[in-house]
């Protein structure tokens, strides 16, 4: 098994993603600077690009991601592995706050 390049943090953060003119719920189970795993029962095809909205208290963080991996269990979608395509200062500040919590 190959070692991940960047540290990942376990999380349980609610988010929304936009696909085909609808918003869908999901939960971030782990997160890093370059990606995250989202628990959701909505199957999105690999290589689809999505805007995500992560709510942290009173702030909303918007980032763009690409679906890299779809997890299917017993013929039902259970999650998505996504790569961050376009992040911003809010996202990096959010990750820094997670680092401080989990040190």
N, C-alpha and C. Protein backbone atom coordinates (compact mmCIF):
# COMPACT_ATOMS: atom_id res chain seq x y z
N UNK A 1 0.85 -1.17 0.00
CA UNK A 1 0.00 0.00 0.00
C UNK A 1 0.90 1.24 0.00
N UNK A 2 0.58 2.21 -0.87
CA UNK A 2 1.41 3.40 -0.92
C UNK A 2 1.00 4.41 0.14
N UNK A 3 1.99 5.11 0.65
CA UNK A 3 1.75 6.12 1.68
C UNK A 3 1.26 7.41 1.05
N UNK A 4 0.30 8.04 1.68
CA UNK A 4 -0.24 9.30 1.16
C UNK A 4 0.80 10.39 1.25
N UNK A 5 0.78 11.26 0.25
CA UNK A 5 1.72 12.37 0.18
C UNK A 5 1.44 13.42 1.25
N UNK A 6 0.17 13.69 1.51
CA UNK A 6 -0.22 14.72 2.47
C UNK A 6 -0.98 14.10 3.64
N UNK A 7 -0.85 14.74 4.79
CA UNK A 7 -1.58 14.28 5.96
C UNK A 7 -3.07 14.47 5.76
N UNK A 8 -3.84 13.49 6.22
CA UNK A 8 -5.30 13.56 6.17
C UNK A 8 -5.81 13.63 7.60
N UNK A 9 -6.91 14.35 7.80
CA UNK A 9 -7.51 14.47 9.11
C UNK A 9 -8.90 13.84 9.08
N UNK A 10 -9.19 13.08 10.12
CA UNK A 10 -10.52 12.52 10.28
C UNK A 10 -11.45 13.67 10.63
N UNK A 11 -12.62 13.64 10.03
CA UNK A 11 -13.57 14.73 10.27
C UNK A 11 -14.99 14.17 10.19
N UNK A 12 -15.92 14.97 10.58
CA UNK A 12 -17.33 14.67 10.37
C UNK A 12 -18.01 16.02 10.16
N UNK A 13 -17.89 16.49 8.91
CA UNK A 13 -18.34 17.83 8.56
C UNK A 13 -19.40 17.76 7.47
N UNK A 14 -20.49 18.45 7.70
CA UNK A 14 -21.56 18.46 6.71
C UNK A 14 -21.20 19.40 5.56
N UNK A 15 -21.63 19.02 4.37
CA UNK A 15 -21.42 19.86 3.20
C UNK A 15 -22.58 19.69 2.24
N UNK A 16 -22.58 20.50 1.21
CA UNK A 16 -23.52 20.39 0.11
C UNK A 16 -22.70 20.42 -1.18
N UNK A 17 -23.15 19.64 -2.16
CA UNK A 17 -22.52 19.73 -3.48
C UNK A 17 -23.60 19.88 -4.53
N UNK A 18 -23.22 20.53 -5.61
CA UNK A 18 -24.16 20.88 -6.66
C UNK A 18 -23.88 20.01 -7.88
N UNK A 19 -24.94 19.34 -8.37
CA UNK A 19 -24.79 18.49 -9.54
C UNK A 19 -26.13 18.42 -10.27
N UNK A 20 -26.12 18.66 -11.54
CA UNK A 20 -27.31 18.62 -12.40
C UNK A 20 -28.46 19.45 -11.81
N UNK A 21 -28.16 20.68 -11.51
CA UNK A 21 -29.17 21.67 -11.07
C UNK A 21 -29.79 21.38 -9.70
N UNK A 22 -29.17 20.52 -8.91
CA UNK A 22 -29.67 20.24 -7.57
C UNK A 22 -28.53 20.25 -6.56
N UNK A 23 -28.85 20.59 -5.31
CA UNK A 23 -27.89 20.48 -4.22
C UNK A 23 -28.13 19.16 -3.49
N UNK A 24 -27.05 18.48 -3.14
CA UNK A 24 -27.12 17.21 -2.43
C UNK A 24 -26.32 17.30 -1.14
N UNK A 25 -26.73 16.58 -0.10
CA UNK A 25 -25.98 16.57 1.16
C UNK A 25 -24.87 15.53 1.14
N UNK A 26 -23.88 15.78 1.96
CA UNK A 26 -22.81 14.81 2.17
C UNK A 26 -22.12 15.10 3.48
N UNK A 27 -21.26 14.18 3.89
CA UNK A 27 -20.47 14.34 5.11
C UNK A 27 -19.02 14.05 4.80
N UNK A 28 -18.14 14.98 5.12
CA UNK A 28 -16.70 14.76 4.94
C UNK A 28 -16.25 13.84 6.08
N UNK A 29 -15.64 12.69 5.71
CA UNK A 29 -15.13 11.77 6.73
C UNK A 29 -13.63 11.91 6.92
N UNK A 30 -12.90 12.29 5.86
CA UNK A 30 -11.50 12.67 6.02
C UNK A 30 -11.16 13.72 4.97
N UNK A 31 -10.14 14.53 5.30
CA UNK A 31 -9.85 15.70 4.48
C UNK A 31 -8.35 15.98 4.49
N UNK A 32 -7.84 16.48 3.37
CA UNK A 32 -6.46 16.93 3.26
C UNK A 32 -6.43 18.18 2.39
N UNK A 33 -5.24 18.70 2.17
CA UNK A 33 -5.09 19.88 1.33
C UNK A 33 -5.56 19.61 -0.10
N UNK A 34 -5.36 18.39 -0.58
CA UNK A 34 -5.66 18.08 -1.98
C UNK A 34 -6.91 17.25 -2.21
N UNK A 35 -7.58 16.81 -1.15
CA UNK A 35 -8.76 16.00 -1.39
C UNK A 35 -9.51 15.64 -0.12
N UNK A 36 -10.58 14.84 -0.32
CA UNK A 36 -11.39 14.42 0.82
C UNK A 36 -12.24 13.22 0.41
N UNK A 37 -12.75 12.53 1.43
CA UNK A 37 -13.72 11.47 1.19
C UNK A 37 -15.05 11.95 1.72
N UNK A 38 -16.07 11.88 0.86
CA UNK A 38 -17.40 12.36 1.19
C UNK A 38 -18.36 11.18 1.29
N UNK A 39 -18.98 11.02 2.44
CA UNK A 39 -20.02 10.00 2.61
C UNK A 39 -21.30 10.57 2.02
N UNK A 40 -21.87 9.85 1.04
CA UNK A 40 -23.11 10.26 0.41
C UNK A 40 -23.74 9.06 -0.28
N UNK A 41 -25.04 9.09 -0.45
CA UNK A 41 -25.69 8.01 -1.19
C UNK A 41 -26.00 8.42 -2.63
N UNK A 42 -25.47 9.56 -3.05
CA UNK A 42 -25.66 10.05 -4.41
C UNK A 42 -24.46 9.62 -5.26
N UNK A 43 -24.71 8.85 -6.30
CA UNK A 43 -23.63 8.41 -7.19
C UNK A 43 -23.37 9.48 -8.25
N UNK A 44 -22.15 9.93 -8.29
CA UNK A 44 -21.71 10.92 -9.27
C UNK A 44 -20.62 10.23 -10.10
N UNK A 45 -20.64 10.37 -11.41
CA UNK A 45 -19.63 9.68 -12.22
C UNK A 45 -18.22 10.19 -11.98
N UNK A 46 -17.25 9.29 -12.13
CA UNK A 46 -15.84 9.68 -12.04
C UNK A 46 -15.58 10.78 -13.06
N UNK A 47 -14.67 11.67 -12.70
CA UNK A 47 -14.22 12.80 -13.51
C UNK A 47 -15.23 13.95 -13.55
N UNK A 48 -16.38 13.82 -12.89
CA UNK A 48 -17.32 14.93 -12.81
C UNK A 48 -16.72 16.02 -11.91
N UNK A 49 -16.89 17.26 -12.30
CA UNK A 49 -16.41 18.39 -11.50
C UNK A 49 -17.60 19.02 -10.79
N UNK A 50 -17.41 19.27 -9.49
CA UNK A 50 -18.50 19.74 -8.64
C UNK A 50 -18.07 20.93 -7.80
N UNK A 51 -18.96 21.88 -7.56
CA UNK A 51 -18.71 22.87 -6.52
C UNK A 51 -19.19 22.31 -5.18
N UNK A 52 -18.39 22.51 -4.14
CA UNK A 52 -18.76 22.08 -2.79
C UNK A 52 -18.93 23.30 -1.91
N UNK A 53 -19.85 23.20 -0.97
CA UNK A 53 -20.03 24.25 0.03
C UNK A 53 -19.89 23.60 1.40
N UNK A 54 -18.87 24.02 2.14
CA UNK A 54 -18.63 23.52 3.49
C UNK A 54 -19.00 24.64 4.46
N UNK A 55 -19.89 24.34 5.40
CA UNK A 55 -20.28 25.34 6.40
C UNK A 55 -19.47 25.11 7.66
N UNK A 56 -18.78 26.15 8.10
CA UNK A 56 -18.00 26.08 9.33
C UNK A 56 -18.45 27.22 10.23
N UNK A 57 -19.35 26.91 11.13
CA UNK A 57 -19.89 27.96 11.98
C UNK A 57 -20.70 28.93 11.14
N UNK A 58 -20.30 30.18 11.15
CA UNK A 58 -21.04 31.19 10.39
C UNK A 58 -20.47 31.40 8.98
N UNK A 59 -19.37 30.73 8.68
CA UNK A 59 -18.72 30.89 7.37
C UNK A 59 -19.07 29.76 6.42
N UNK A 60 -19.06 30.09 5.12
CA UNK A 60 -19.23 29.08 4.10
C UNK A 60 -17.99 29.09 3.21
N UNK A 61 -17.45 27.90 2.97
CA UNK A 61 -16.26 27.76 2.14
C UNK A 61 -16.68 27.09 0.83
N UNK A 62 -16.36 27.73 -0.28
CA UNK A 62 -16.68 27.20 -1.60
C UNK A 62 -15.40 26.73 -2.28
N UNK A 63 -15.39 25.47 -2.73
CA UNK A 63 -14.25 24.95 -3.48
C UNK A 63 -14.77 24.11 -4.64
N UNK A 64 -13.91 23.87 -5.61
CA UNK A 64 -14.24 23.01 -6.74
C UNK A 64 -13.46 21.71 -6.62
N UNK A 65 -14.12 20.59 -6.91
CA UNK A 65 -13.49 19.28 -6.82
C UNK A 65 -13.80 18.44 -8.05
N UNK A 66 -13.00 17.40 -8.24
CA UNK A 66 -13.24 16.41 -9.29
C UNK A 66 -13.38 15.05 -8.62
N UNK A 67 -14.41 14.29 -9.00
CA UNK A 67 -14.62 12.95 -8.46
C UNK A 67 -13.55 12.02 -9.03
N UNK A 68 -12.80 11.39 -8.14
CA UNK A 68 -11.74 10.47 -8.54
C UNK A 68 -12.09 9.02 -8.27
N UNK A 69 -12.97 8.80 -7.28
CA UNK A 69 -13.28 7.43 -6.86
C UNK A 69 -14.71 7.39 -6.34
N UNK A 70 -15.46 6.38 -6.76
CA UNK A 70 -16.83 6.18 -6.28
C UNK A 70 -16.87 4.85 -5.53
N UNK A 71 -17.37 4.88 -4.30
CA UNK A 71 -17.47 3.66 -3.49
C UNK A 71 -18.91 3.16 -3.57
N UNK A 72 -19.04 1.90 -4.00
CA UNK A 72 -20.36 1.26 -4.09
C UNK A 72 -20.33 0.02 -3.21
N UNK A 73 -21.31 -0.08 -2.30
CA UNK A 73 -21.43 -1.22 -1.40
C UNK A 73 -22.82 -1.80 -1.56
N UNK A 74 -22.90 -3.10 -1.84
CA UNK A 74 -24.19 -3.77 -2.03
C UNK A 74 -25.07 -3.02 -3.05
N UNK A 75 -24.46 -2.65 -4.16
CA UNK A 75 -25.15 -1.95 -5.26
C UNK A 75 -25.69 -0.57 -4.90
N UNK A 76 -25.17 0.03 -3.83
CA UNK A 76 -25.57 1.39 -3.44
C UNK A 76 -24.32 2.24 -3.26
N UNK A 77 -24.39 3.46 -3.74
CA UNK A 77 -23.28 4.39 -3.57
C UNK A 77 -23.18 4.75 -2.08
N UNK A 78 -21.95 4.71 -1.55
CA UNK A 78 -21.76 5.07 -0.15
C UNK A 78 -20.77 6.22 0.04
N UNK A 79 -20.07 6.59 -1.04
CA UNK A 79 -19.13 7.69 -0.88
C UNK A 79 -18.38 8.04 -2.14
N UNK A 80 -17.71 9.21 -2.08
CA UNK A 80 -16.93 9.73 -3.19
C UNK A 80 -15.57 10.19 -2.69
N UNK A 81 -14.54 9.79 -3.39
CA UNK A 81 -13.21 10.35 -3.16
C UNK A 81 -13.02 11.47 -4.16
N UNK A 82 -12.72 12.66 -3.69
CA UNK A 82 -12.59 13.81 -4.59
C UNK A 82 -11.25 14.50 -4.42
N UNK A 83 -10.80 15.11 -5.52
CA UNK A 83 -9.57 15.90 -5.52
C UNK A 83 -9.96 17.37 -5.61
N UNK A 84 -9.33 18.19 -4.79
CA UNK A 84 -9.59 19.63 -4.81
C UNK A 84 -8.94 20.22 -6.05
N UNK A 85 -9.73 20.86 -6.90
CA UNK A 85 -9.22 21.49 -8.11
C UNK A 85 -8.89 22.95 -7.89
N UNK A 86 -9.76 23.62 -7.17
CA UNK A 86 -9.59 25.06 -6.97
C UNK A 86 -9.97 25.37 -5.53
N UNK A 87 -8.99 25.74 -4.75
CA UNK A 87 -9.25 26.09 -3.36
C UNK A 87 -9.02 27.59 -3.20
N UNK A 88 -9.07 28.04 -1.96
CA UNK A 88 -8.91 29.46 -1.69
C UNK A 88 -8.36 29.64 -0.28
N UNK A 89 -8.16 30.89 0.09
CA UNK A 89 -7.59 31.18 1.42
C UNK A 89 -8.49 30.67 2.54
N UNK A 90 -9.80 30.76 2.37
CA UNK A 90 -10.72 30.27 3.42
C UNK A 90 -10.51 28.77 3.66
N UNK A 91 -10.35 28.01 2.57
CA UNK A 91 -10.14 26.57 2.69
C UNK A 91 -8.82 26.28 3.40
N UNK A 92 -7.76 26.99 3.04
CA UNK A 92 -6.46 26.78 3.68
C UNK A 92 -6.50 27.17 5.15
N UNK A 93 -7.18 28.25 5.48
CA UNK A 93 -7.34 28.65 6.88
C UNK A 93 -8.12 27.59 7.66
N UNK A 94 -9.14 27.03 7.03
CA UNK A 94 -9.93 25.97 7.64
C UNK A 94 -9.07 24.75 7.92
N UNK A 95 -8.23 24.34 6.94
CA UNK A 95 -7.33 23.21 7.15
C UNK A 95 -6.34 23.48 8.27
N UNK A 96 -5.82 24.71 8.32
CA UNK A 96 -4.90 25.07 9.41
C UNK A 96 -5.58 24.96 10.77
N UNK A 97 -6.85 25.34 10.84
CA UNK A 97 -7.57 25.21 12.12
C UNK A 97 -7.77 23.74 12.48
N UNK A 98 -8.00 22.88 11.48
CA UNK A 98 -8.10 21.44 11.75
C UNK A 98 -6.77 20.89 12.26
N UNK A 99 -5.68 21.34 11.65
CA UNK A 99 -4.35 20.89 12.08
C UNK A 99 -4.13 21.24 13.55
N UNK A 100 -4.53 22.44 13.95
CA UNK A 100 -4.34 22.86 15.34
C UNK A 100 -5.19 22.04 16.30
N UNK A 101 -6.38 21.62 15.88
CA UNK A 101 -7.26 20.81 16.72
C UNK A 101 -6.71 19.41 16.90
N UNK A 102 -6.16 18.82 15.83
CA UNK A 102 -5.75 17.41 15.85
C UNK A 102 -4.26 17.19 16.12
N UNK A 103 -3.53 18.21 16.55
CA UNK A 103 -2.10 18.05 16.89
C UNK A 103 -1.94 17.33 18.19
